[in-house]
Amino acid sequence: MLAVTATALALAAIFSATAPSASAATDSPSAYTNHTVGGAAGWLFNSSSNSSEADYSTWAKSQKFFLGDYLIFHTNANATVIQTKNETTYQKCSTDEDNGDDYFVYSPTASGLGGAAPAVLAVALTEEGVSYFFSDADDGIQCFQGMRFQISVAHGLGLPPALSQPPPPPYKDPSPPPMSSSTTIPETSVQGERFYNGASPARVIGGGVWGVAFWWFFGVFFA
């Protein structure tokens, strides 16, 4: 009986070690998610209180982000969103010292209705790891006053086919064809072509006796 109990305990220990934990199962999404940044407050800045409409860092900590998810910014046409992998750029709320390879600028549009018109901006999460988002409006003041957050993107389901295709190569003006090193035959008449191809002058003019007589006459008077 003791042996059976020990064996059962050993098997239970093995299965508990190999079975996925409840938290791990929870971390595996069953579908892609659209995350509305800031919830009902949206991505907006209150000029009267000189502060962001939401605590975006706290909001980001309440979410779990995976490849293929989208960040949905409910904002206005006057807003900007900077995405960067550079923590220094994020901390300075400025891209002035960035080399240009570490950030993207997103600007929503509202069909020309003006800067205060409502607009929606969707940003796909296509890279794993840490990404930073902030507003660079008002020379970074909005960012320093709360319009920024960082997220960590896990693999999850991976990228869907619509987001996994590589971007098309940049457009380049077609180059003119290289000049040939061979000599080009100038455009000529049929007679000129026959000269170029080695036909004798006598055959070109008429050939036979008349051709010989012509060249004899030409040589006598113009020699």
Protein backbone atom coordinates (compact mmCIF):
# COMPACT_ATOMS: atom_id res chain seq x y z
CA MET A 1 0.00 0.00 0.00
CA LEU A 2 2.86 2.31 0.84
CA ALA A 3 4.54 1.54 -2.48
CA VAL A 4 1.36 2.33 -4.40
CA THR A 5 0.95 5.63 -2.59
CA ALA A 6 4.55 6.63 -3.30
CA THR A 7 4.14 5.77 -6.97
CA ALA A 8 0.96 7.83 -7.20
CA LEU A 9 2.65 10.80 -5.57
CA ALA A 10 5.58 10.52 -7.97
CA LEU A 11 3.28 10.43 -11.00
CA ALA A 12 1.33 13.39 -9.65
CA ALA A 13 4.56 15.36 -9.27
CA ILE A 14 5.60 14.55 -12.86
CA PHE A 15 2.25 15.57 -14.33
CA SER A 16 2.13 18.78 -12.29
CA ALA A 17 5.59 19.70 -13.54
CA THR A 18 4.78 19.08 -17.20
CA ALA A 19 1.19 20.36 -17.32
CA PRO A 20 0.70 24.02 -18.34
CA SER A 21 -0.14 26.33 -15.49
CA ALA A 22 -3.43 28.19 -15.34
CA SER A 23 -1.65 31.52 -15.81
CA ALA A 24 0.19 30.20 -18.90
CA ALA A 25 -3.10 29.08 -20.44
CA THR A 26 -4.57 32.48 -19.67
CA ASP A 27 -1.63 34.19 -21.40
CA SER A 28 -2.35 32.35 -24.66
CA PRO A 29 -4.98 34.36 -26.56
CA SER A 30 -7.69 32.68 -28.58
CA ALA A 31 -8.14 35.67 -30.89
CA TYR A 32 -6.60 39.00 -31.80
CA THR A 33 -7.64 42.05 -29.80
CA ASN A 34 -8.29 45.70 -30.55
CA HIS A 35 -7.11 47.76 -27.57
CA THR A 36 -8.83 51.15 -27.25
CA VAL A 37 -6.08 53.36 -25.87
CA GLY A 38 -7.22 55.05 -22.66
CA GLY A 39 -10.58 53.34 -22.74
CA ALA A 40 -13.56 55.69 -22.92
CA ALA A 41 -11.30 58.74 -22.41
CA GLY A 42 -9.54 58.19 -25.73
CA TRP A 43 -6.18 59.67 -26.73
CA LEU A 44 -6.74 63.35 -25.92
CA PHE A 45 -5.12 66.20 -24.06
CA ASN A 46 -7.02 68.65 -21.87
CA SER A 47 -5.57 72.11 -22.45
CA SER A 48 -7.55 73.62 -19.58
CA SER A 49 -6.07 71.32 -16.96
CA ASN A 50 -2.81 70.91 -18.87
CA SER A 51 -2.99 67.14 -18.49
CA SER A 52 -3.92 64.04 -20.44
CA GLU A 53 -7.49 62.82 -20.35
CA ALA A 54 -6.38 59.45 -18.96
CA ASP A 55 -3.47 57.86 -17.14
CA TYR A 56 -2.16 55.96 -20.14
CA SER A 57 0.66 54.20 -18.31
CA THR A 58 -1.83 52.73 -15.84
CA TRP A 59 -4.13 51.76 -18.70
CA ALA A 60 -1.30 49.97 -20.54
CA LYS A 61 -0.38 47.96 -17.43
CA SER A 62 -3.93 46.62 -17.31
CA GLN A 63 -3.69 45.12 -20.81
CA LYS A 64 -1.93 42.16 -22.39
CA PHE A 65 -0.57 42.73 -25.87
CA PHE A 66 0.23 40.16 -28.55
CA LEU A 67 1.40 40.13 -32.16
CA GLY A 68 -1.46 40.93 -34.51
CA ASP A 69 -3.34 43.07 -31.99
CA TYR A 70 -4.21 46.68 -32.76
CA LEU A 71 -3.98 49.85 -30.72
CA ILE A 72 -7.02 52.01 -31.48
CA PHE A 73 -6.51 55.71 -30.78
CA HIS A 74 -9.77 57.67 -30.54
CA THR A 75 -8.43 61.18 -30.91
CA ASN A 76 -8.71 64.23 -33.16
CA ALA A 77 -7.12 65.24 -36.43
CA ASN A 78 -4.66 67.50 -34.63
CA ALA A 79 -3.05 64.70 -32.64
CA THR A 80 0.12 62.75 -33.26
CA VAL A 81 1.38 59.37 -32.07
CA ILE A 82 5.06 58.43 -32.01
CA GLN A 83 6.04 54.77 -31.77
CA THR A 84 9.64 54.00 -30.90
CA LYS A 85 11.89 51.19 -29.66
CA ASN A 86 14.33 53.73 -28.26
CA GLU A 87 13.85 54.31 -24.53
CA THR A 88 15.94 57.51 -24.58
CA THR A 89 13.68 59.01 -27.24
CA TYR A 90 10.69 58.07 -25.11
CA GLN A 91 12.10 59.55 -21.92
CA LYS A 92 12.96 62.83 -23.68
CA CYS A 93 9.54 63.00 -25.37
CA SER A 94 11.36 64.03 -28.54
CA THR A 95 12.73 62.53 -31.73
CA ASP A 96 15.23 65.34 -32.26
CA GLU A 97 18.24 63.21 -31.38
CA ASP A 98 16.93 60.01 -32.92
CA ASN A 99 18.66 58.70 -36.03
CA GLY A 100 15.32 58.18 -37.76
CA ASP A 101 15.45 54.38 -37.79
CA ASP A 102 13.84 53.80 -34.39
CA TYR A 103 10.50 55.56 -34.60
CA PHE A 104 7.33 55.96 -36.66
CA VAL A 105 5.02 58.97 -36.76
CA TYR A 106 1.27 58.42 -37.06
CA SER A 107 -1.07 61.31 -37.87
CA PRO A 108 -4.81 60.68 -38.17
CA THR A 109 -6.92 62.49 -40.72
CA ALA A 110 -10.49 63.63 -40.54
CA SER A 111 -11.39 64.37 -44.16
CA GLY A 112 -10.36 67.99 -43.93
CA LEU A 113 -12.85 68.84 -41.17
CA GLY A 114 -10.27 70.67 -39.08
CA GLY A 115 -7.88 69.90 -36.25
CA ALA A 116 -10.60 69.43 -33.62
CA ALA A 117 -12.60 66.94 -35.70
CA PRO A 118 -12.79 63.42 -34.22
CA ALA A 119 -10.47 60.89 -35.81
CA VAL A 120 -9.49 57.29 -35.31
CA LEU A 121 -6.01 55.87 -35.73
CA ALA A 122 -5.24 52.13 -35.78
CA VAL A 123 -1.69 50.88 -35.13
CA ALA A 124 -0.88 47.21 -35.70
CA LEU A 125 1.50 45.47 -33.30
CA THR A 126 3.93 43.65 -35.59
CA GLU A 127 7.04 43.27 -33.42
CA GLU A 128 7.63 41.39 -30.19
CA GLY A 129 9.22 43.12 -27.23
CA VAL A 130 8.95 46.57 -25.72
CA SER A 131 7.53 49.50 -27.67
CA TYR A 132 6.95 53.07 -26.53
CA PHE A 133 4.19 55.44 -27.59
CA PHE A 134 3.90 59.17 -26.94
CA SER A 135 2.62 62.48 -28.28
CA ASP A 136 5.18 64.98 -29.50
CA ALA A 137 2.66 67.83 -29.75
CA ASP A 138 3.48 71.18 -28.15
CA ASP A 139 7.20 70.38 -28.26
CA GLY A 140 6.75 67.35 -26.02
CA ILE A 141 4.72 69.09 -23.31
CA GLN A 142 1.76 66.75 -23.79
CA CYS A 143 4.08 63.77 -23.44
CA PHE A 144 5.61 65.07 -20.20
CA GLN A 145 2.10 65.72 -18.91
CA GLY A 146 0.99 62.11 -19.30
CA MET A 147 0.39 61.33 -22.97
CA ARG A 148 2.77 58.39 -23.15
CA PHE A 149 2.90 54.70 -22.29
CA GLN A 150 4.98 51.61 -22.91
CA ILE A 151 3.88 48.07 -23.71
CA SER A 152 5.45 44.65 -24.02
CA VAL A 153 4.24 42.56 -26.95
CA ALA A 154 4.27 38.76 -26.66
CA HIS A 155 4.11 36.24 -29.50
CA GLY A 156 0.58 34.91 -28.88
CA LEU A 157 -0.92 33.59 -32.11
CA GLY A 158 1.78 35.22 -34.22
CA LEU A 159 1.14 37.61 -37.04
CA PRO A 160 -1.92 36.96 -39.23
CA PRO A 161 -1.26 36.62 -42.98
CA ALA A 162 -2.46 40.17 -43.61
CA LEU A 163 0.35 41.57 -41.43
CA SER A 164 3.08 39.03 -42.11
CA GLN A 165 3.81 40.02 -45.70
CA PRO A 166 7.03 42.02 -46.15
CA PRO A 167 6.56 45.62 -47.33
CA PRO A 168 7.04 46.27 -51.04
CA PRO A 169 10.47 47.58 -52.07
CA PRO A 170 10.76 51.36 -52.37
CA TYR A 171 10.01 52.78 -55.80
CA LYS A 172 12.99 53.73 -57.95
CA ASP A 173 12.98 55.60 -61.23
CA PRO A 174 13.89 53.20 -64.02
CA SER A 175 17.47 53.70 -65.18
CA PRO A 176 18.10 54.37 -68.87
CA PRO A 177 19.55 51.39 -70.76
CA PRO A 178 23.36 51.39 -70.91
CA MET A 179 24.96 52.71 -74.07
CA SER A 180 26.25 49.98 -76.34
CA SER A 181 29.97 49.98 -77.07
CA SER A 182 29.42 48.66 -80.59
CA THR A 183 29.27 51.03 -83.55
CA THR A 184 25.76 51.93 -84.64
CA ILE A 185 25.04 51.97 -88.34
CA PRO A 186 23.57 55.36 -89.26
CA GLU A 187 20.22 55.45 -90.95
CA THR A 188 20.83 55.34 -94.68
CA SER A 189 19.08 54.85 -97.99
CA VAL A 190 18.93 51.50 -99.75
CA GLN A 191 21.85 52.59 -101.90
CA GLY A 192 23.84 53.57 -98.83
CA GLU A 193 23.16 50.21 -97.21
CA ARG A 194 24.44 48.45 -100.32
CA PHE A 195 27.63 50.50 -100.15
CA TYR A 196 28.01 49.69 -96.48
CA ASN A 197 27.51 45.99 -97.12
CA GLY A 198 30.37 45.87 -99.63
CA ALA A 199 28.63 46.15 -102.98
CA SER A 200 30.91 47.44 -105.73
CA PRO A 201 30.19 50.96 -107.09
CA ALA A 202 29.74 49.56 -110.55
CA ARG A 203 27.03 47.16 -109.41
CA VAL A 204 25.28 49.92 -107.47
CA ILE A 205 25.26 52.40 -110.37
CA GLY A 206 24.25 49.89 -112.99
CA GLY A 207 26.90 47.22 -113.34
CA GLY A 208 28.16 45.67 -116.53
CA VAL A 209 29.67 47.77 -119.32
CA TRP A 210 27.78 50.94 -118.39
CA GLY A 211 29.14 50.78 -114.88
CA VAL A 212 32.75 50.40 -116.08
CA ALA A 213 32.31 53.21 -118.61
CA PHE A 214 30.94 55.51 -115.93
CA TRP A 215 33.91 55.00 -113.62
CA TRP A 216 36.39 55.35 -116.53
CA PHE A 217 34.76 58.65 -117.45
CA PHE A 218 34.78 59.80 -113.80
CA GLY A 219 38.47 58.92 -113.44
CA VAL A 220 39.59 60.74 -116.64
CA PHE A 221 37.93 64.06 -115.88
CA PHE A 222 38.37 64.21 -112.11
CA ALA A 223 41.75 62.53 -111.62
